[in-house]
Amino acid sequence: MIGLLKVSIYYSSESGIWWQALNTLNLFVGITVLMYGAIIFSQILASLCSTIAQMLSASDGASATGSVVGVVGSAVLMYFLAPYLLNIIWRI
């Protein structure tokens, strides 16, 4: 679907409605991918850090502490990786 839209845009004029549609579609796809990717990445990293914290410490709060560390770590990684991800998504 996106490929068909890009082909039709390629053969149309740059000032036409198709170029505006492509920019809107790319923006929508970029926001959607980043939003759901951030949620999934945050959950995976929180689960991974929680498991590691449970293996390192057998206390009751280890799981919660690991989850918090994972969520904060994923937020920091997303902050630094977002410009590169947006560039990759925009080129697709």
PDB file of N, CA and C in Angstrom:
ATOM      1  N   MET A   1       0.826  -1.192   0.000  1.00  0.00           N
ATOM      2  CA  MET A   1       0.000   0.000   0.000  1.00  0.00           C
ATOM      3  C   MET A   1       0.869   1.254   0.000  1.00  0.00           C
ATOM      4  N   ILE A   2       1.850   1.288   0.910  1.00  0.00           N
ATOM      5  CA  ILE A   2       2.720   2.457   0.978  1.00  0.00           C
ATOM      6  C   ILE A   2       3.568   2.540  -0.284  1.00  0.00           C
ATOM      7  N   GLY A   3       4.017   1.402  -0.802  1.00  0.00           N
ATOM      8  CA  GLY A   3       4.801   1.401  -2.033  1.00  0.00           C
ATOM      9  C   GLY A   3       4.006   1.924  -3.216  1.00  0.00           C
ATOM     10  N   LEU A   4       2.741   1.528  -3.322  1.00  0.00           N
ATOM     11  CA  LEU A   4       1.874   2.022  -4.389  1.00  0.00           C
ATOM     12  C   LEU A   4       1.672   3.524  -4.273  1.00  0.00           C
ATOM     13  N   LEU A   5       1.495   3.996  -3.069  1.00  0.00           N
ATOM     14  CA  LEU A   5       1.339   5.429  -2.847  1.00  0.00           C
ATOM     15  C   LEU A   5       2.608   6.178  -3.231  1.00  0.00           C
ATOM     16  N   LYS A   6       3.765   5.626  -2.880  1.00  0.00           N
ATOM     17  CA  LYS A   6       5.022   6.289  -3.224  1.00  0.00           C
ATOM     18  C   LYS A   6       5.259   6.302  -4.732  1.00  0.00           C
ATOM     19  N   VAL A   7       4.866   5.240  -5.432  1.00  0.00           N
ATOM     20  CA  VAL A   7       5.013   5.222  -6.889  1.00  0.00           C
ATOM     21  C   VAL A   7       4.125   6.278  -7.523  1.00  0.00           C
ATOM     22  N   SER A   8       2.887   6.386  -7.067  1.00  0.00           N
ATOM     23  CA  SER A   8       1.996   7.408  -7.624  1.00  0.00           C
ATOM     24  C   SER A   8       2.489   8.815  -7.300  1.00  0.00           C
ATOM     25  N   ILE A   9       3.109   8.979  -6.167  1.00  0.00           N
ATOM     26  CA  ILE A   9       3.659  10.286  -5.807  1.00  0.00           C
ATOM     27  C   ILE A   9       4.886  10.595  -6.657  1.00  0.00           C
ATOM     28  N   TYR A  10       5.670   9.570  -6.958  1.00  0.00           N
ATOM     29  CA  TYR A  10       6.885   9.765  -7.747  1.00  0.00           C
ATOM     30  C   TYR A  10       6.557  10.328  -9.134  1.00  0.00           C
ATOM     31  N   TYR A  11       5.435   9.894  -9.705  1.00  0.00           N
ATOM     32  CA  TYR A  11       5.060  10.344 -11.042  1.00  0.00           C
ATOM     33  C   TYR A  11       4.149  11.564 -11.036  1.00  0.00           C
ATOM     34  N   SER A  12       3.875  12.135  -9.895  1.00  0.00           N
ATOM     35  CA  SER A  12       3.039  13.336  -9.835  1.00  0.00           C
ATOM     36  C   SER A  12       3.911  14.564  -9.606  1.00  0.00           C
ATOM     37  N   SER A  13       3.285  15.721  -9.643  1.00  0.00           N
ATOM     38  CA  SER A  13       4.045  16.964  -9.452  1.00  0.00           C
ATOM     39  C   SER A  13       4.350  17.169  -7.975  1.00  0.00           C
ATOM     40  N   GLU A  14       5.415  17.937  -7.712  1.00  0.00           N
ATOM     41  CA  GLU A  14       5.839  18.145  -6.327  1.00  0.00           C
ATOM     42  C   GLU A  14       4.895  19.038  -5.540  1.00  0.00           C
ATOM     43  N   SER A  15       4.099  19.820  -6.217  1.00  0.00           N
ATOM     44  CA  SER A  15       3.198  20.724  -5.496  1.00  0.00           C
ATOM     45  C   SER A  15       1.798  20.136  -5.348  1.00  0.00           C
ATOM     46  N   GLY A  16       1.608  18.900  -5.762  1.00  0.00           N
ATOM     47  CA  GLY A  16       0.277  18.305  -5.753  1.00  0.00           C
ATOM     48  C   GLY A  16      -0.127  17.755  -4.393  1.00  0.00           C
ATOM     49  N   ILE A  17      -1.339  17.246  -4.360  1.00  0.00           N
ATOM     50  CA  ILE A  17      -1.917  16.716  -3.123  1.00  0.00           C
ATOM     51  C   ILE A  17      -1.214  15.434  -2.693  1.00  0.00           C
ATOM     52  N   TRP A  18      -0.636  14.684  -3.657  1.00  0.00           N
ATOM     53  CA  TRP A  18       0.010  13.427  -3.306  1.00  0.00           C
ATOM     54  C   TRP A  18       1.250  13.645  -2.461  1.00  0.00           C
ATOM     55  N   TRP A  19       1.984  14.718  -2.710  1.00  0.00           N
ATOM     56  CA  TRP A  19       3.168  15.010  -1.906  1.00  0.00           C
ATOM     57  C   TRP A  19       2.776  15.347  -0.479  1.00  0.00           C
ATOM     58  N   GLN A  20       1.687  16.068  -0.318  1.00  0.00           N
ATOM     59  CA  GLN A  20       1.208  16.384   1.030  1.00  0.00           C
ATOM     60  C   GLN A  20       0.749  15.114   1.732  1.00  0.00           C
ATOM     61  N   ALA A  21       0.109  14.224   0.980  1.00  0.00           N
ATOM     62  CA  ALA A  21      -0.343  12.955   1.565  1.00  0.00           C
ATOM     63  C   ALA A  21       0.843  12.103   2.001  1.00  0.00           C
ATOM     64  N   LEU A  22       1.898  12.075   1.196  1.00  0.00           N
ATOM     65  CA  LEU A  22       3.076  11.293   1.563  1.00  0.00           C
ATOM     66  C   LEU A  22       3.710  11.835   2.830  1.00  0.00           C
ATOM     67  N   ASN A  23       3.838  13.138   2.923  1.00  0.00           N
ATOM     68  CA  ASN A  23       4.419  13.729   4.123  1.00  0.00           C
ATOM     69  C   ASN A  23       3.566  13.417   5.345  1.00  0.00           C
ATOM     70  N   THR A  24       2.249  13.482   5.201  1.00  0.00           N
ATOM     71  CA  THR A  24       1.352  13.165   6.314  1.00  0.00           C
ATOM     72  C   THR A  24       1.445  11.686   6.671  1.00  0.00           C
ATOM     73  N   LEU A  25       1.493  10.821   5.656  1.00  0.00           N
ATOM     74  CA  LEU A  25       1.574   9.383   5.893  1.00  0.00           C
ATOM     75  C   LEU A  25       2.889   9.020   6.566  1.00  0.00           C
ATOM     76  N   ASN A  26       3.993   9.586   6.082  1.00  0.00           N
ATOM     77  CA  ASN A  26       5.283   9.309   6.714  1.00  0.00           C
ATOM     78  C   ASN A  26       5.310   9.791   8.152  1.00  0.00           C
ATOM     79  N   LEU A  27       4.719  10.932   8.408  1.00  0.00           N
ATOM     80  CA  LEU A  27       4.663  11.449   9.772  1.00  0.00           C
ATOM     81  C   LEU A  27       3.828  10.528  10.655  1.00  0.00           C
ATOM     82  N   PHE A  28       2.682  10.075  10.144  1.00  0.00           N
ATOM     83  CA  PHE A  28       1.820   9.171  10.905  1.00  0.00           C
ATOM     84  C   PHE A  28       2.534   7.852  11.186  1.00  0.00           C
ATOM     85  N   VAL A  29       3.181   7.287  10.171  1.00  0.00           N
ATOM     86  CA  VAL A  29       3.903   6.021  10.350  1.00  0.00           C
ATOM     87  C   VAL A  29       5.044   6.201  11.344  1.00  0.00           C
ATOM     88  N   GLY A  30       5.762   7.310  11.227  1.00  0.00           N
ATOM     89  CA  GLY A  30       6.867   7.573  12.144  1.00  0.00           C
ATOM     90  C   GLY A  30       6.415   7.684  13.582  1.00  0.00           C
ATOM     91  N   ILE A  31       5.354   8.426  13.812  1.00  0.00           N
ATOM     92  CA  ILE A  31       4.842   8.589  15.174  1.00  0.00           C
ATOM     93  C   ILE A  31       4.326   7.260  15.714  1.00  0.00           C
ATOM     94  N   THR A  32       3.608   6.507  14.887  1.00  0.00           N
ATOM     95  CA  THR A  32       3.054   5.226  15.330  1.00  0.00           C
ATOM     96  C   THR A  32       4.156   4.227  15.668  1.00  0.00           C
ATOM     97  N   VAL A  33       5.149   4.122  14.802  1.00  0.00           N
ATOM     98  CA  VAL A  33       6.248   3.183  15.048  1.00  0.00           C
ATOM     99  C   VAL A  33       7.012   3.567  16.305  1.00  0.00           C
ATOM    100  N   LEU A  34       7.290   4.847  16.461  1.00  0.00           N
ATOM    101  CA  LEU A  34       8.016   5.277  17.657  1.00  0.00           C
ATOM    102  C   LEU A  34       7.201   5.056  18.924  1.00  0.00           C
ATOM    103  N   MET A  35       5.903   5.324  18.865  1.00  0.00           N
ATOM    104  CA  MET A  35       5.066   5.190  20.054  1.00  0.00           C
ATOM    105  C   MET A  35       4.972   3.722  20.501  1.00  0.00           C
ATOM    106  N   TYR A  36       4.589   2.843  19.581  1.00  0.00           N
ATOM    107  CA  TYR A  36       4.458   1.440  19.956  1.00  0.00           C
ATOM    108  C   TYR A  36       5.818   0.794  20.204  1.00  0.00           C
ATOM    109  N   GLY A  37       6.811   1.205  19.462  1.00  0.00           N
ATOM    110  CA  GLY A  37       8.158   0.702  19.703  1.00  0.00           C
ATOM    111  C   GLY A  37       8.673   1.084  21.076  1.00  0.00           C
ATOM    112  N   ALA A  38       8.367   2.307  21.499  1.00  0.00           N
ATOM    113  CA  ALA A  38       8.796   2.758  22.826  1.00  0.00           C
ATOM    114  C   ALA A  38       8.112   1.951  23.923  1.00  0.00           C
ATOM    115  N   ILE A  39       6.838   1.666  23.750  1.00  0.00           N
ATOM    116  CA  ILE A  39       6.105   0.885  24.753  1.00  0.00           C
ATOM    117  C   ILE A  39       6.681  -0.528  24.852  1.00  0.00           C
ATOM    118  N   ILE A  40       6.869  -1.165  23.712  1.00  0.00           N
ATOM    119  CA  ILE A  40       7.386  -2.536  23.706  1.00  0.00           C
ATOM    120  C   ILE A  40       8.817  -2.579  24.228  1.00  0.00           C
ATOM    121  N   PHE A  41       9.657  -1.635  23.783  1.00  0.00           N
ATOM    122  CA  PHE A  41      11.050  -1.583  24.226  1.00  0.00           C
ATOM    123  C   PHE A  41      11.127  -1.360  25.731  1.00  0.00           C
ATOM    124  N   SER A  42      10.278  -0.489  26.254  1.00  0.00           N
ATOM    125  CA  SER A  42      10.265  -0.206  27.684  1.00  0.00           C
ATOM    126  C   SER A  42       9.860  -1.444  28.484  1.00  0.00           C
ATOM    127  N   GLN A  43       8.861  -2.169  28.007  1.00  0.00           N
ATOM    128  CA  GLN A  43       8.412  -3.371  28.703  1.00  0.00           C
ATOM    129  C   GLN A  43       9.481  -4.466  28.682  1.00  0.00           C
ATOM    130  N   ILE A  44      10.124  -4.636  27.550  1.00  0.00           N
ATOM    131  CA  ILE A  44      11.168  -5.663  27.442  1.00  0.00           C
ATOM    132  C   ILE A  44      12.345  -5.332  28.349  1.00  0.00           C
ATOM    133  N   LEU A  45      12.782  -4.072  28.327  1.00  0.00           N
ATOM    134  CA  LEU A  45      13.925  -3.688  29.152  1.00  0.00           C
ATOM    135  C   LEU A  45      13.575  -3.746  30.640  1.00  0.00           C
ATOM    136  N   ALA A  46      12.343  -3.377  31.007  1.00  0.00           N
ATOM    137  CA  ALA A  46      11.926  -3.468  32.406  1.00  0.00           C
ATOM    138  C   ALA A  46      11.905  -4.920  32.871  1.00  0.00           C
ATOM    139  N   SER A  47      11.399  -5.811  32.034  1.00  0.00           N
ATOM    140  CA  SER A  47      11.361  -7.230  32.385  1.00  0.00           C
ATOM    141  C   SER A  47      12.767  -7.810  32.499  1.00  0.00           C
ATOM    142  N   LEU A  48      13.629  -7.446  31.576  1.00  0.00           N
ATOM    143  CA  LEU A  48      15.005  -7.930  31.605  1.00  0.00           C
ATOM    144  C   LEU A  48      15.739  -7.446  32.849  1.00  0.00           C
ATOM    145  N   CYS A  49      15.619  -6.160  33.159  1.00  0.00           N
ATOM    146  CA  CYS A  49      16.289  -5.618  34.349  1.00  0.00           C
ATOM    147  C   CYS A  49      15.692  -6.184  35.633  1.00  0.00           C
ATOM    148  N   SER A  50      14.396  -6.444  35.634  1.00  0.00           N
ATOM    149  CA  SER A  50      13.756  -7.048  36.801  1.00  0.00           C
ATOM    150  C   SER A  50      14.286  -8.460  37.039  1.00  0.00           C
ATOM    151  N   THR A  51      14.437  -9.225  35.984  1.00  0.00           N
ATOM    152  CA  THR A  51      14.964 -10.584  36.102  1.00  0.00           C
ATOM    153  C   THR A  51      16.409 -10.572  36.589  1.00  0.00           C
ATOM    154  N   ILE A  52      17.204  -9.667  36.052  1.00  0.00           N
ATOM    155  CA  ILE A  52      18.602  -9.558  36.485  1.00  0.00           C
ATOM    156  C   ILE A  52      18.681  -9.142  37.949  1.00  0.00           C
ATOM    157  N   ALA A  53      17.836  -8.198  38.362  1.00  0.00           N
ATOM    158  CA  ALA A  53      17.843  -7.754  39.758  1.00  0.00           C
ATOM    159  C   ALA A  53      17.421  -8.884  40.690  1.00  0.00           C
ATOM    160  N   GLN A  54      16.469  -9.722  40.270  1.00  0.00           N
ATOM    161  CA  GLN A  54      16.055 -10.859  41.090  1.00  0.00           C
ATOM    162  C   GLN A  54      17.173 -11.888  41.212  1.00  0.00           C
ATOM    163  N   MET A  55      17.953 -12.062  40.153  1.00  0.00           N
ATOM    164  CA  MET A  55      19.064 -13.011  40.215  1.00  0.00           C
ATOM    165  C   MET A  55      20.182 -12.490  41.109  1.00  0.00           C
ATOM    166  N   LEU A  56      20.403 -11.186  41.111  1.00  0.00           N
ATOM    167  CA  LEU A  56      21.474 -10.608  41.920  1.00  0.00           C
ATOM    168  C   LEU A  56      21.100 -10.481  43.389  1.00  0.00           C
ATOM    169  N   SER A  57      19.834 -10.196  43.656  1.00  0.00           N
ATOM    170  CA  SER A  57      19.377 -10.007  45.031  1.00  0.00           C
ATOM    171  C   SER A  57      18.050 -10.730  45.213  1.00  0.00           C
ATOM    172  N   ALA A  58      17.945 -11.475  46.294  1.00  0.00           N
ATOM    173  CA  ALA A  58      16.737 -12.268  46.526  1.00  0.00           C
ATOM    174  C   ALA A  58      15.685 -11.516  47.332  1.00  0.00           C
ATOM    175  N   SER A  59      15.829 -10.220  47.497  1.00  0.00           N
ATOM    176  CA  SER A  59      14.868  -9.471  48.313  1.00  0.00           C
ATOM    177  C   SER A  59      13.565  -9.231  47.547  1.00  0.00           C
ATOM    178  N   ASP A  60      12.536  -8.818  48.305  1.00  0.00           N
ATOM    179  CA  ASP A  60      11.225  -8.584  47.702  1.00  0.00           C
ATOM    180  C   ASP A  60      11.218  -7.361  46.787  1.00  0.00           C
ATOM    181  N   GLY A  61      11.995  -6.364  47.104  1.00  0.00           N
ATOM    182  CA  GLY A  61      12.000  -5.135  46.319  1.00  0.00           C
ATOM    183  C   GLY A  61      12.904  -5.176  45.103  1.00  0.00           C
ATOM    184  N   ALA A  62      13.607  -6.285  44.902  1.00  0.00           N
ATOM    185  CA  ALA A  62      14.546  -6.367  43.779  1.00  0.00           C
ATOM    186  C   ALA A  62      13.823  -6.297  42.441  1.00  0.00           C
ATOM    187  N   SER A  63      12.686  -6.957  42.354  1.00  0.00           N
ATOM    188  CA  SER A  63      11.938  -6.955  41.099  1.00  0.00           C
ATOM    189  C   SER A  63      11.438  -5.555  40.752  1.00  0.00           C
ATOM    190  N   ALA A  64      10.888  -4.873  41.745  1.00  0.00           N
ATOM    191  CA  ALA A  64      10.385  -3.514  41.511  1.00  0.00           C
ATOM    192  C   ALA A  64      11.522  -2.557  41.175  1.00  0.00           C
ATOM    193  N   THR A  65      12.629  -2.691  41.880  1.00  0.00           N
ATOM    194  CA  THR A  65      13.783  -1.829  41.610  1.00  0.00           C
ATOM    195  C   THR A  65      14.323  -2.074  40.205  1.00  0.00           C
ATOM    196  N   GLY A  66      14.420  -3.329  39.821  1.00  0.00           N
ATOM    197  CA  GLY A  66      14.883  -3.655  38.471  1.00  0.00           C
ATOM    198  C   GLY A  66      13.959  -3.120  37.396  1.00  0.00           C
ATOM    199  N   SER A  67      12.650  -3.174  37.649  1.00  0.00           N
ATOM    200  CA  SER A  67      11.690  -2.642  36.683  1.00  0.00           C
ATOM    201  C   SER A  67      11.847  -1.140  36.513  1.00  0.00           C
ATOM    202  N   VAL A  68      12.021  -0.436  37.627  1.00  0.00           N
ATOM    203  CA  VAL A  68      12.201   1.019  37.563  1.00  0.00           C
ATOM    204  C   VAL A  68      13.486   1.364  36.823  1.00  0.00           C
ATOM    205  N   VAL A  69      14.549   0.637  37.123  1.00  0.00           N
ATOM    206  CA  VAL A  69      15.821   0.875  36.433  1.00  0.00           C
ATOM    207  C   VAL A  69      15.667   0.610  34.935  1.00  0.00           C
ATOM    208  N   GLY A  70      14.942  -0.435  34.581  1.00  0.00           N
ATOM    209  CA  GLY A  70      14.722  -0.749  33.168  1.00  0.00           C
ATOM    210  C   GLY A  70      13.922   0.311  32.442  1.00  0.00           C
ATOM    211  N   VAL A  71      12.872   0.819  33.066  1.00  0.00           N
ATOM    212  CA  VAL A  71      12.048   1.854  32.434  1.00  0.00           C
ATOM    213  C   VAL A  71      12.837   3.148  32.278  1.00  0.00           C
ATOM    214  N   VAL A  72      13.566   3.529  33.318  1.00  0.00           N
ATOM    215  CA  VAL A  72      14.379   4.749  33.233  1.00  0.00           C
ATOM    216  C   VAL A  72      15.487   4.575  32.191  1.00  0.00           C
ATOM    217  N   GLY A  73      16.105   3.412  32.174  1.00  0.00           N
ATOM    218  CA  GLY A  73      17.139   3.146  31.174  1.00  0.00           C
ATOM    219  C   GLY A  73      16.598   3.178  29.753  1.00  0.00           C
ATOM    220  N   SER A  74      15.400   2.632  29.555  1.00  0.00           N
ATOM    221  CA  SER A  74      14.810   2.667  28.215  1.00  0.00           C
ATOM    222  C   SER A  74      14.466   4.098  27.806  1.00  0.00           C
ATOM    223  N   ALA A  75      14.021   4.911  28.759  1.00  0.00           N
ATOM    224  CA  ALA A  75      13.722   6.312  28.445  1.00  0.00           C
ATOM    225  C   ALA A  75      14.986   7.058  28.030  1.00  0.00           C
ATOM    226  N   VAL A  76      16.079   6.804  28.725  1.00  0.00           N
ATOM    227  CA  VAL A  76      17.346   7.461  28.377  1.00  0.00           C
ATOM    228  C   VAL A  76      17.825   6.993  27.002  1.00  0.00           C
ATOM    229  N   LEU A  77      17.747   5.695  26.740  1.00  0.00           N
ATOM    230  CA  LEU A  77      18.155   5.182  25.427  1.00  0.00           C
ATOM    231  C   LEU A  77      17.285   5.742  24.309  1.00  0.00           C
ATOM    232  N   MET A  78      15.973   5.806  24.544  1.00  0.00           N
ATOM    233  CA  MET A  78      15.080   6.351  23.522  1.00  0.00           C
ATOM    234  C   MET A  78      15.356   7.825  23.273  1.00  0.00           C
ATOM    235  N   TYR A  79      15.720   8.548  24.316  1.00  0.00           N
ATOM    236  CA  TYR A  79      16.029   9.967  24.164  1.00  0.00           C
ATOM    237  C   TYR A  79      17.216  10.164  23.220  1.00  0.00           C
ATOM    238  N   PHE A  80      18.230   9.321  23.369  1.00  0.00           N
ATOM    239  CA  PHE A  80      19.417   9.477  22.541  1.00  0.00           C
ATOM    240  C   PHE A  80      19.281   8.822  21.167  1.00  0.00           C
ATOM    241  N   LEU A  81      18.440   7.794  21.042  1.00  0.00           N
ATOM    242  CA  LEU A  81      18.303   7.089  19.772  1.00  0.00           C
ATOM    243  C   LEU A  81      17.182   7.617  18.887  1.00  0.00           C
ATOM    244  N   ALA A  82      16.294   8.445  19.413  1.00  0.00           N
ATOM    245  CA  ALA A  82      15.142   8.924  18.646  1.00  0.00           C
ATOM    246  C   ALA A  82      15.527   9.633  17.349  1.00  0.00           C
ATOM    247  N   PRO A  83      16.525  10.513  17.333  1.00  0.00           N
ATOM    248  CA  PRO A  83      16.856  11.159  16.049  1.00  0.00           C
ATOM    249  C   PRO A  83      17.291  10.164  14.970  1.00  0.00           C
ATOM    250  N   TYR A  84      18.024   9.139  15.352  1.00  0.00           N
ATOM    251  CA  TYR A  84      18.466   8.139  14.384  1.00  0.00           C
ATOM    252  C   TYR A  84      17.298   7.277  13.908  1.00  0.00           C
ATOM    253  N   LEU A  85      16.400   6.918  14.828  1.00  0.00           N
ATOM    254  CA  LEU A  85      15.229   6.132  14.446  1.00  0.00           C
ATOM    255  C   LEU A  85      14.311   6.922  13.527  1.00  0.00           C
ATOM    256  N   LEU A  86      14.113   8.204  13.816  1.00  0.00           N
ATOM    257  CA  LEU A  86      13.288   9.038  12.944  1.00  0.00           C
ATOM    258  C   LEU A  86      13.893   9.133  11.549  1.00  0.00           C
ATOM    259  N   ASN A  87      15.192   9.235  11.468  1.00  0.00           N
ATOM    260  CA  ASN A  87      15.855   9.298  10.169  1.00  0.00           C
ATOM    261  C   ASN A  87      15.652   8.002   9.392  1.00  0.00           C
ATOM    262  N   ILE A  88      15.757   6.869  10.059  1.00  0.00           N
ATOM    263  CA  ILE A  88      15.549   5.578   9.398  1.00  0.00           C
ATOM    264  C   ILE A  88      14.108   5.432   8.948  1.00  0.00           C
ATOM    265  N   ILE A  89      13.156   5.780   9.812  1.00  0.00           N
ATOM    266  CA  ILE A  89      11.740   5.662   9.466  1.00  0.00           C
ATOM    267  C   ILE A  89      11.399   6.585   8.309  1.00  0.00           C
ATOM    268  N   TRP A  90      11.948   7.778   8.308  1.00  0.00           N
ATOM    269  CA  TRP A  90      11.627   8.746   7.269  1.00  0.00           C
ATOM    270  C   TRP A  90      12.127   8.287   5.902  1.00  0.00           C
ATOM    271  N   ARG A  91      13.221   7.508   5.863  1.00  0.00           N
ATOM    272  CA  ARG A  91      13.777   7.041   4.593  1.00  0.00           C
ATOM    273  C   ARG A  91      13.063   5.816   4.045  1.00  0.00           C
ATOM    274  N   ILE A  92      12.255   5.150   4.851  1.00  0.00           N
ATOM    275  CA  ILE A  92      11.573   3.916   4.407  1.00  0.00           C
ATOM    276  C   ILE A  92      10.568   4.202   3.345  1.00  0.00           C
TER     277      ILE A  92
END
